[in-house]
PDB file of all heavy atoms in Angstrom:
ATOM      1  N   VAL A   1      23.620  69.447 -37.232  1.00  0.00           N
ATOM      2  CA  VAL A   1      23.654  70.763 -36.619  1.00  0.00           C
ATOM      3  C   VAL A   1      24.927  71.471 -37.048  1.00  0.00           C
ATOM      4  O   VAL A   1      25.946  70.824 -37.322  1.00  0.00           O
ATOM      5  CB  VAL A   1      23.572  70.636 -35.076  1.00  0.00           C
ATOM      6  CG1 VAL A   1      24.781  69.910 -34.513  1.00  0.00           C
ATOM      7  CG2 VAL A   1      23.379  71.985 -34.418  1.00  0.00           C
ATOM      8  N   GLN A   2      24.876  72.776 -37.103  1.00  0.00           N
ATOM      9  CA  GLN A   2      26.066  73.550 -37.438  1.00  0.00           C
ATOM     10  C   GLN A   2      26.977  73.676 -36.214  1.00  0.00           C
ATOM     11  O   GLN A   2      26.513  73.618 -35.067  1.00  0.00           O
ATOM     12  CB  GLN A   2      25.676  74.934 -37.926  1.00  0.00           C
ATOM     13  CG  GLN A   2      25.059  74.950 -39.313  1.00  0.00           C
ATOM     14  CD  GLN A   2      24.854  76.367 -39.825  1.00  0.00           C
ATOM     15  OE1 GLN A   2      24.686  77.302 -39.064  1.00  0.00           O
ATOM     16  NE2 GLN A   2      24.883  76.523 -41.161  1.00  0.00           N
ATOM     17  N   ALA A   3      28.244  73.856 -36.470  1.00  0.00           N
ATOM     18  CA  ALA A   3      29.189  74.066 -35.376  1.00  0.00           C
ATOM     19  C   ALA A   3      28.723  75.251 -34.518  1.00  0.00           C
ATOM     20  O   ALA A   3      28.279  76.277 -35.034  1.00  0.00           O
ATOM     21  CB  ALA A   3      30.580  74.342 -35.939  1.00  0.00           C
ATOM     22  N   GLY A   4      28.830  75.054 -33.206  1.00  0.00           N
ATOM     23  CA  GLY A   4      28.347  76.061 -32.280  1.00  0.00           C
ATOM     24  C   GLY A   4      26.914  75.849 -31.840  1.00  0.00           C
ATOM     25  O   GLY A   4      26.449  76.501 -30.891  1.00  0.00           O
ATOM     26  N   GLY A   5      26.220  74.959 -32.496  1.00  0.00           N
ATOM     27  CA  GLY A   5      24.824  74.687 -32.179  1.00  0.00           C
ATOM     28  C   GLY A   5      24.666  73.692 -31.045  1.00  0.00           C
ATOM     29  O   GLY A   5      25.647  73.251 -30.427  1.00  0.00           O
ATOM     30  N   SER A   6      23.411  73.330 -30.784  1.00  0.00           N
ATOM     31  CA  SER A   6      23.082  72.455 -29.662  1.00  0.00           C
ATOM     32  C   SER A   6      22.152  71.336 -30.100  1.00  0.00           C
ATOM     33  O   SER A   6      21.376  71.493 -31.052  1.00  0.00           O
ATOM     34  CB  SER A   6      22.387  73.251 -28.544  1.00  0.00           C
ATOM     35  OG  SER A   6      23.221  74.259 -28.031  1.00  0.00           O
ATOM     36  N   LEU A   7      22.255  70.226 -29.397  1.00  0.00           N
ATOM     37  CA  LEU A   7      21.331  69.108 -29.548  1.00  0.00           C
ATOM     38  C   LEU A   7      21.102  68.491 -28.183  1.00  0.00           C
ATOM     39  O   LEU A   7      21.971  68.584 -27.306  1.00  0.00           O
ATOM     40  CB  LEU A   7      21.894  68.041 -30.491  1.00  0.00           C
ATOM     41  CG  LEU A   7      21.838  68.269 -31.988  1.00  0.00           C
ATOM     42  CD1 LEU A   7      22.564  67.131 -32.713  1.00  0.00           C
ATOM     43  CD2 LEU A   7      20.411  68.384 -32.489  1.00  0.00           C
ATOM     44  N   ARG A   8      19.966  67.833 -28.047  1.00  0.00           N
ATOM     45  CA  ARG A   8      19.667  67.110 -26.819  1.00  0.00           C
ATOM     46  C   ARG A   8      19.316  65.672 -27.167  1.00  0.00           C
ATOM     47  O   ARG A   8      18.367  65.422 -27.912  1.00  0.00           O
ATOM     48  CB  ARG A   8      18.505  67.753 -26.076  1.00  0.00           C
ATOM     49  CG  ARG A   8      18.263  67.180 -24.679  1.00  0.00           C
ATOM     50  CD  ARG A   8      16.941  67.640 -24.144  1.00  0.00           C
ATOM     51  NE  ARG A   8      16.786  67.385 -22.716  1.00  0.00           N
ATOM     52  CZ  ARG A   8      15.605  67.213 -22.128  1.00  0.00           C
ATOM     53  NH1 ARG A   8      14.504  67.261 -22.834  1.00  0.00           N
ATOM     54  NH2 ARG A   8      15.545  67.006 -20.818  1.00  0.00           N
ATOM     55  N   LEU A   9      20.090  64.758 -26.632  1.00  0.00           N
ATOM     56  CA  LEU A   9      19.833  63.340 -26.835  1.00  0.00           C
ATOM     57  C   LEU A   9      19.056  62.769 -25.649  1.00  0.00           C
ATOM     58  O   LEU A   9      19.235  63.211 -24.511  1.00  0.00           O
ATOM     59  CB  LEU A   9      21.140  62.568 -26.990  1.00  0.00           C
ATOM     60  CG  LEU A   9      22.110  63.049 -28.071  1.00  0.00           C
ATOM     61  CD1 LEU A   9      23.325  62.118 -28.125  1.00  0.00           C
ATOM     62  CD2 LEU A   9      21.448  63.146 -29.414  1.00  0.00           C
ATOM     63  N   SER A  10      18.221  61.785 -25.950  1.00  0.00           N
ATOM     64  CA  SER A  10      17.467  61.087 -24.909  1.00  0.00           C
ATOM     65  C   SER A  10      17.659  59.591 -25.069  1.00  0.00           C
ATOM     66  O   SER A  10      17.816  59.094 -26.188  1.00  0.00           O
ATOM     67  CB  SER A  10      15.974  61.412 -25.002  1.00  0.00           C
ATOM     68  OG  SER A  10      15.740  62.789 -24.849  1.00  0.00           O
ATOM     69  N   CYS A  11      17.613  58.880 -23.959  1.00  0.00           N
ATOM     70  CA  CYS A  11      17.716  57.422 -23.978  1.00  0.00           C
ATOM     71  C   CYS A  11      16.774  56.872 -22.915  1.00  0.00           C
ATOM     72  O   CYS A  11      16.918  57.188 -21.733  1.00  0.00           O
ATOM     73  CB  CYS A  11      19.145  56.973 -23.697  1.00  0.00           C
ATOM     74  SG  CYS A  11      19.334  55.187 -23.512  1.00  0.00           S
ATOM     75  N   VAL A  12      15.822  56.067 -23.370  1.00  0.00           N
ATOM     76  CA  VAL A  12      14.847  55.463 -22.465  1.00  0.00           C
ATOM     77  C   VAL A  12      15.202  54.001 -22.240  1.00  0.00           C
ATOM     78  O   VAL A  12      15.405  53.257 -23.210  1.00  0.00           O
ATOM     79  CB  VAL A  12      13.424  55.569 -23.032  1.00  0.00           C
ATOM     80  CG1 VAL A  12      12.429  54.954 -22.064  1.00  0.00           C
ATOM     81  CG2 VAL A  12      13.073  57.018 -23.313  1.00  0.00           C
ATOM     82  N   ALA A  13      15.279  53.602 -20.991  1.00  0.00           N
ATOM     83  CA  ALA A  13      15.582  52.220 -20.631  1.00  0.00           C
ATOM     84  C   ALA A  13      14.307  51.499 -20.206  1.00  0.00           C
ATOM     85  O   ALA A  13      13.424  52.080 -19.577  1.00  0.00           O
ATOM     86  CB  ALA A  13      16.596  52.179 -19.497  1.00  0.00           C
ATOM     87  N   SER A  14      14.240  50.222 -20.561  1.00  0.00           N
ATOM     88  CA  SER A  14      13.114  49.395 -20.134  1.00  0.00           C
ATOM     89  C   SER A  14      13.612  47.973 -19.926  1.00  0.00           C
ATOM     90  O   SER A  14      14.668  47.587 -20.423  1.00  0.00           O
ATOM     91  CB  SER A  14      11.989  49.414 -21.170  1.00  0.00           C
ATOM     92  OG  SER A  14      12.430  48.903 -22.408  1.00  0.00           O
ATOM     93  N   GLY A  15      12.842  47.194 -19.167  1.00  0.00           N
ATOM     94  CA  GLY A  15      13.217  45.817 -18.920  1.00  0.00           C
ATOM     95  C   GLY A  15      13.596  45.580 -17.467  1.00  0.00           C
ATOM     96  O   GLY A  15      13.006  46.148 -16.563  1.00  0.00           O
ATOM     97  N   SER A  16      14.624  44.776 -17.264  1.00  0.00           N
ATOM     98  CA  SER A  16      15.041  44.358 -15.917  1.00  0.00           C
ATOM     99  C   SER A  16      15.946  45.415 -15.284  1.00  0.00           C
ATOM    100  O   SER A  16      17.140  45.214 -15.113  1.00  0.00           O
ATOM    101  CB  SER A  16      15.743  43.006 -15.989  1.00  0.00           C
ATOM    102  OG  SER A  16      14.917  42.027 -16.551  1.00  0.00           O
ATOM    103  N   ILE A  17      15.332  46.526 -14.946  1.00  0.00           N
ATOM    104  CA  ILE A  17      16.090  47.656 -14.404  1.00  0.00           C
ATOM    105  C   ILE A  17      16.087  47.582 -12.885  1.00  0.00           C
ATOM    106  O   ILE A  17      15.036  47.523 -12.266  1.00  0.00           O
ATOM    107  CB  ILE A  17      15.461  48.983 -14.866  1.00  0.00           C
ATOM    108  CG1 ILE A  17      15.493  49.056 -16.391  1.00  0.00           C
ATOM    109  CG2 ILE A  17      16.221  50.157 -14.259  1.00  0.00           C
ATOM    110  CD1 ILE A  17      14.712  50.221 -16.942  1.00  0.00           C
ATOM    111  N   PHE A  18      17.270  47.584 -12.307  1.00  0.00           N
ATOM    112  CA  PHE A  18      17.398  47.600 -10.866  1.00  0.00           C
ATOM    113  C   PHE A  18      17.794  48.989 -10.413  1.00  0.00           C
ATOM    114  O   PHE A  18      18.282  49.799 -11.183  1.00  0.00           O
ATOM    115  CB  PHE A  18      18.420  46.553 -10.407  1.00  0.00           C
ATOM    116  CG  PHE A  18      18.017  45.154 -10.749  1.00  0.00           C
ATOM    117  CD1 PHE A  18      18.502  44.540 -11.896  1.00  0.00           C
ATOM    118  CD2 PHE A  18      17.150  44.450  -9.940  1.00  0.00           C
ATOM    119  CE1 PHE A  18      18.129  43.247 -12.222  1.00  0.00           C
ATOM    120  CE2 PHE A  18      16.775  43.162 -10.259  1.00  0.00           C
ATOM    121  CZ  PHE A  18      17.274  42.559 -11.397  1.00  0.00           C
ATOM    122  N   SER A  19      17.612  49.258  -9.154  1.00  0.00           N
ATOM    123  CA  SER A  19      17.785  50.621  -8.656  1.00  0.00           C
ATOM    124  C   SER A  19      19.232  51.092  -8.737  1.00  0.00           C
ATOM    125  O   SER A  19      19.490  52.263  -8.973  1.00  0.00           O
ATOM    126  CB  SER A  19      17.284  50.736  -7.224  1.00  0.00           C
ATOM    127  OG  SER A  19      17.984  49.820  -6.392  1.00  0.00           O
ATOM    128  N   ILE A  20      20.197  50.185  -8.547  1.00  0.00           N
ATOM    129  CA  ILE A  20      21.603  50.587  -8.576  1.00  0.00           C
ATOM    130  C   ILE A  20      22.152  50.338  -9.971  1.00  0.00           C
ATOM    131  O   ILE A  20      22.301  49.205 -10.401  1.00  0.00           O
ATOM    132  CB  ILE A  20      22.411  49.818  -7.525  1.00  0.00           C
ATOM    133  CG1 ILE A  20      21.856  50.101  -6.130  1.00  0.00           C
ATOM    134  CG2 ILE A  20      23.883  50.213  -7.598  1.00  0.00           C
ATOM    135  CD1 ILE A  20      22.510  49.303  -5.040  1.00  0.00           C
ATOM    136  N   ASN A  21      22.427  51.412 -10.686  1.00  0.00           N
ATOM    137  CA  ASN A  21      22.931  51.286 -12.047  1.00  0.00           C
ATOM    138  C   ASN A  21      23.556  52.597 -12.484  1.00  0.00           C
ATOM    139  O   ASN A  21      23.467  53.600 -11.783  1.00  0.00           O
ATOM    140  CB  ASN A  21      21.792  50.905 -13.002  1.00  0.00           C
ATOM    141  CG  ASN A  21      20.676  51.930 -13.000  1.00  0.00           C
ATOM    142  OD1 ASN A  21      20.823  53.017 -13.557  1.00  0.00           O
ATOM    143  ND2 ASN A  21      19.561  51.591 -12.392  1.00  0.00           N
ATOM    144  N   ALA A  22      24.179  52.565 -13.619  1.00  0.00           N
ATOM    145  CA  ALA A  22      24.715  53.778 -14.227  1.00  0.00           C
ATOM    146  C   ALA A  22      24.236  53.825 -15.672  1.00  0.00           C
ATOM    147  O   ALA A  22      24.128  52.788 -16.334  1.00  0.00           O
ATOM    148  CB  ALA A  22      26.232  53.785 -14.167  1.00  0.00           C
ATOM    149  N   MET A  23      23.946  55.003 -16.125  1.00  0.00           N
ATOM    150  CA  MET A  23      23.588  55.196 -17.533  1.00  0.00           C
ATOM    151  C   MET A  23      24.527  56.236 -18.124  1.00  0.00           C
ATOM    152  O   MET A  23      24.974  57.147 -17.421  1.00  0.00           O
ATOM    153  CB  MET A  23      22.142  55.662 -17.674  1.00  0.00           C
ATOM    154  CG  MET A  23      21.136  54.620 -17.232  1.00  0.00           C
ATOM    155  SD  MET A  23      19.427  55.138 -17.529  1.00  0.00           S
ATOM    156  CE  MET A  23      19.326  55.004 -19.313  1.00  0.00           C
ATOM    157  N   GLY A  24      24.820  56.076 -19.380  1.00  0.00           N
ATOM    158  CA  GLY A  24      25.754  57.022 -19.965  1.00  0.00           C
ATOM    159  C   GLY A  24      25.737  57.025 -21.473  1.00  0.00           C
ATOM    160  O   GLY A  24      24.981  56.283 -22.111  1.00  0.00           O
ATOM    161  N   TRP A  25      26.580  57.874 -22.010  1.00  0.00           N
ATOM    162  CA  TRP A  25      26.723  58.039 -23.452  1.00  0.00           C
ATOM    163  C   TRP A  25      28.180  57.850 -23.845  1.00  0.00           C
ATOM    164  O   TRP A  25      29.084  58.367 -23.187  1.00  0.00           O
ATOM    165  CB  TRP A  25      26.267  59.433 -23.875  1.00  0.00           C
ATOM    166  CG  TRP A  25      24.807  59.667 -23.692  1.00  0.00           C
ATOM    167  CD1 TRP A  25      24.187  60.211 -22.605  1.00  0.00           C
ATOM    168  CD2 TRP A  25      23.770  59.371 -24.628  1.00  0.00           C
ATOM    169  NE1 TRP A  25      22.839  60.264 -22.799  1.00  0.00           N
ATOM    170  CE2 TRP A  25      22.553  59.750 -24.050  1.00  0.00           C
ATOM    171  CE3 TRP A  25      23.757  58.813 -25.910  1.00  0.00           C
ATOM    172  CZ2 TRP A  25      21.336  59.593 -24.697  1.00  0.00           C
ATOM    173  CZ3 TRP A  25      22.543  58.660 -26.561  1.00  0.00           C
ATOM    174  CH2 TRP A  25      21.345  59.047 -25.952  1.00  0.00           C
ATOM    175  N   TYR A  26      28.363  57.124 -24.915  1.00  0.00           N
ATOM    176  CA  TYR A  26      29.661  56.957 -25.537  1.00  0.00           C
ATOM    177  C   TYR A  26      29.490  57.317 -27.011  1.00  0.00           C
ATOM    178  O   TYR A  26      28.378  57.302 -27.533  1.00  0.00           O
ATOM    179  CB  TYR A  26      30.149  55.514 -25.411  1.00  0.00           C
ATOM    180  CG  TYR A  26      30.465  55.103 -23.987  1.00  0.00           C
ATOM    181  CD1 TYR A  26      29.437  54.833 -23.084  1.00  0.00           C
ATOM    182  CD2 TYR A  26      31.782  54.981 -23.549  1.00  0.00           C
ATOM    183  CE1 TYR A  26      29.720  54.461 -21.770  1.00  0.00           C
ATOM    184  CE2 TYR A  26      32.070  54.608 -22.248  1.00  0.00           C
ATOM    185  CZ  TYR A  26      31.035  54.351 -21.371  1.00  0.00           C
ATOM    186  OH  TYR A  26      31.329  53.988 -20.080  1.00  0.00           O
ATOM    187  N   ARG A  27      30.589  57.625 -27.667  1.00  0.00           N
ATOM    188  CA  ARG A  27      30.502  57.933 -29.093  1.00  0.00           C
ATOM    189  C   ARG A  27      31.646  57.292 -29.839  1.00  0.00           C
ATOM    190  O   ARG A  27      32.714  57.051 -29.289  1.00  0.00           O
ATOM    191  CB  ARG A  27      30.501  59.447 -29.330  1.00  0.00           C
ATOM    192  CG  ARG A  27      31.797  60.158 -28.968  1.00  0.00           C
ATOM    193  CD  ARG A  27      31.634  61.666 -29.101  1.00  0.00           C
ATOM    194  NE  ARG A  27      32.880  62.368 -28.781  1.00  0.00           N
ATOM    195  CZ  ARG A  27      32.977  63.685 -28.665  1.00  0.00           C
ATOM    196  NH1 ARG A  27      31.911  64.453 -28.841  1.00  0.00           N
ATOM    197  NH2 ARG A  27      34.140  64.238 -28.382  1.00  0.00           N
ATOM    198  N   ARG A  28      31.353  57.018 -31.108  1.00  0.00           N
ATOM    199  CA  ARG A  28      32.375  56.463 -31.982  1.00  0.00           C
ATOM    200  C   ARG A  28      32.362  57.249 -33.282  1.00  0.00           C
ATOM    201  O   ARG A  28      31.373  57.222 -34.016  1.00  0.00           O
ATOM    202  CB  ARG A  28      32.144  54.984 -32.247  1.00  0.00           C
ATOM    203  CG  ARG A  28      33.121  54.393 -33.257  1.00  0.00           C
ATOM    204  CD  ARG A  28      33.009  52.894 -33.322  1.00  0.00           C
ATOM    205  NE  ARG A  28      33.658  52.256 -32.175  1.00  0.00           N
ATOM    206  CZ  ARG A  28      33.522  50.973 -31.861  1.00  0.00           C
ATOM    207  NH1 ARG A  28      32.757  50.199 -32.579  1.00  0.00           N
ATOM    208  NH2 ARG A  28      34.150  50.476 -30.829  1.00  0.00           N
ATOM    209  N   ALA A  29      33.463  57.921 -33.532  1.00  0.00           N
ATOM    210  CA  ALA A  29      33.617  58.667 -34.774  1.00  0.00           C
ATOM    211  C   ALA A  29      34.267  57.762 -35.817  1.00  0.00           C
ATOM    212  O   ALA A  29      34.955  56.793 -35.456  1.00  0.00           O
ATOM    213  CB  ALA A  29      34.482  59.899 -34.534  1.00  0.00           C
ATOM    214  N   PRO A  30      34.074  58.052 -37.094  1.00  0.00           N
ATOM    215  CA  PRO A  30      34.666  57.227 -38.150  1.00  0.00           C
ATOM    216  C   PRO A  30      36.179  57.106 -37.981  1.00  0.00           C
ATOM    217  O   PRO A  30      36.870  58.120 -37.814  1.00  0.00           O
ATOM    218  CB  PRO A  30      34.314  57.993 -39.424  1.00  0.00           C
ATOM    219  CG  PRO A  30      33.079  58.745 -39.077  1.00  0.00           C
ATOM    220  CD  PRO A  30      33.228  59.129 -37.638  1.00  0.00           C
ATOM    221  N   GLY A  31      36.673  55.882 -37.977  1.00  0.00           N
ATOM    222  CA  GLY A  31      38.107  55.648 -37.884  1.00  0.00           C
ATOM    223  C   GLY A  31      38.695  55.812 -36.499  1.00  0.00           C
ATOM    224  O   GLY A  31      39.913  55.737 -36.322  1.00  0.00           O
ATOM    225  N   LYS A  32      37.842  56.016 -35.504  1.00  0.00           N
ATOM    226  CA  LYS A  32      38.343  56.214 -34.148  1.00  0.00           C
ATOM    227  C   LYS A  32      37.726  55.190 -33.200  1.00  0.00           C
ATOM    228  O   LYS A  32      36.711  54.577 -33.496  1.00  0.00           O
ATOM    229  CB  LYS A  32      38.021  57.632 -33.666  1.00  0.00           C
ATOM    230  CG  LYS A  32      38.716  58.730 -34.451  1.00  0.00           C
ATOM    231  CD  LYS A  32      38.440  60.083 -33.839  1.00  0.00           C
ATOM    232  CE  LYS A  32      39.170  61.181 -34.586  1.00  0.00           C
ATOM    233  NZ  LYS A  32      38.919  62.529 -33.979  1.00  0.00           N
ATOM    234  N   GLN A  33      38.363  55.042 -32.058  1.00  0.00           N
ATOM    235  CA  GLN A  33      37.831  54.147 -31.036  1.00  0.00           C
ATOM    236  C   GLN A  33      36.680  54.806 -30.294  1.00  0.00           C
ATOM    237  O   GLN A  33      36.567  56.032 -30.257  1.00  0.00           O
ATOM    238  CB  GLN A  33      38.937  53.767 -30.046  1.00  0.00           C
ATOM    239  CG  GLN A  33      40.007  52.877 -30.631  1.00  0.00           C
ATOM    240  CD  GLN A  33      41.005  52.406 -29.587  1.00  0.00           C
ATOM    241  OE1 GLN A  33      41.203  53.070 -28.570  1.00  0.00           O
ATOM    242  NE2 GLN A  33      41.609  51.257 -29.812  1.00  0.00           N
ATOM    243  N   ARG A  34      35.849  53.964 -29.708  1.00  0.00           N
ATOM    244  CA  ARG A  34      34.746  54.471 -28.892  1.00  0.00           C
ATOM    245  C   ARG A  34      35.311  55.224 -27.682  1.00  0.00           C
ATOM    246  O   ARG A  34      36.285  54.784 -27.066  1.00  0.00           O
ATOM    247  CB  ARG A  34      33.883  53.308 -28.417  1.00  0.00           C
ATOM    248  CG  ARG A  34      32.649  53.715 -27.638  1.00  0.00           C
ATOM    249  CD  ARG A  34      31.791  52.508 -27.349  1.00  0.00           C
ATOM    250  NE  ARG A  34      32.477  51.542 -26.513  1.00  0.00           N
ATOM    251  CZ  ARG A  34      32.129  50.261 -26.409  1.00  0.00           C
ATOM    252  NH1 ARG A  34      31.086  49.813 -27.095  1.00  0.00           N
ATOM    253  NH2 ARG A  34      32.794  49.450 -25.616  1.00  0.00           N
ATOM    254  N   GLU A  35      34.696  56.339 -27.360  1.00  0.00           N
ATOM    255  CA  GLU A  35      35.160  57.116 -26.227  1.00  0.00           C
ATOM    256  C   GLU A  35      33.991  57.503 -25.329  1.00  0.00           C
ATOM    257  O   GLU A  35      32.852  57.655 -25.772  1.00  0.00           O
ATOM    258  CB  GLU A  35      35.897  58.383 -26.678  1.00  0.00           C
ATOM    259  CG  GLU A  35      35.043  59.411 -27.384  1.00  0.00           C
ATOM    260  CD  GLU A  35      35.747  60.745 -27.586  1.00  0.00           C
ATOM    261  OE1 GLU A  35      36.689  61.049 -26.828  1.00  0.00           O
ATOM    262  OE2 GLU A  35      35.330  61.492 -28.486  1.00  0.00           O
ATOM    263  N   LEU A  36      34.318  57.661 -24.062  1.00  0.00           N
ATOM    264  CA  LEU A  36      33.329  58.101 -23.091  1.00  0.00           C
ATOM    265  C   LEU A  36      32.933  59.548 -23.362  1.00  0.00           C
ATOM    266  O   LEU A  36      33.788  60.415 -23.556  1.00  0.00           O
ATOM    267  CB  LEU A  36      33.905  57.990 -21.675  1.00  0.00           C
ATOM    268  CG  LEU A  36      33.102  58.685 -20.573  1.00  0.00           C
ATOM    269  CD1 LEU A  36      31.806  57.941 -20.320  1.00  0.00           C
ATOM    270  CD2 LEU A  36      33.933  58.807 -19.310  1.00  0.00           C
ATOM    271  N   VAL A  37      31.634  59.793 -23.341  1.00  0.00           N
ATOM    272  CA  VAL A  37      31.133  61.169 -23.386  1.00  0.00           C
ATOM    273  C   VAL A  37      30.757  61.597 -21.968  1.00  0.00           C
ATOM    274  O   VAL A  37      31.282  62.554 -21.428  1.00  0.00           O
ATOM    275  CB  VAL A  37      29.931  61.305 -24.333  1.00  0.00           C
ATOM    276  CG1 VAL A  37      29.410  62.732 -24.316  1.00  0.00           C
ATOM    277  CG2 VAL A  37      30.309  60.883 -25.747  1.00  0.00           C
TER     278      VAL A  37
END
């Protein structure tokens, strides 16, 4: 995408899912540590 644009990410979970949980996104750029999004 070009700078200023938009994207929508999706993540589907399956398996042993319990009601109390957290879901989230992290990212890792080249040469950098993983960071919370």
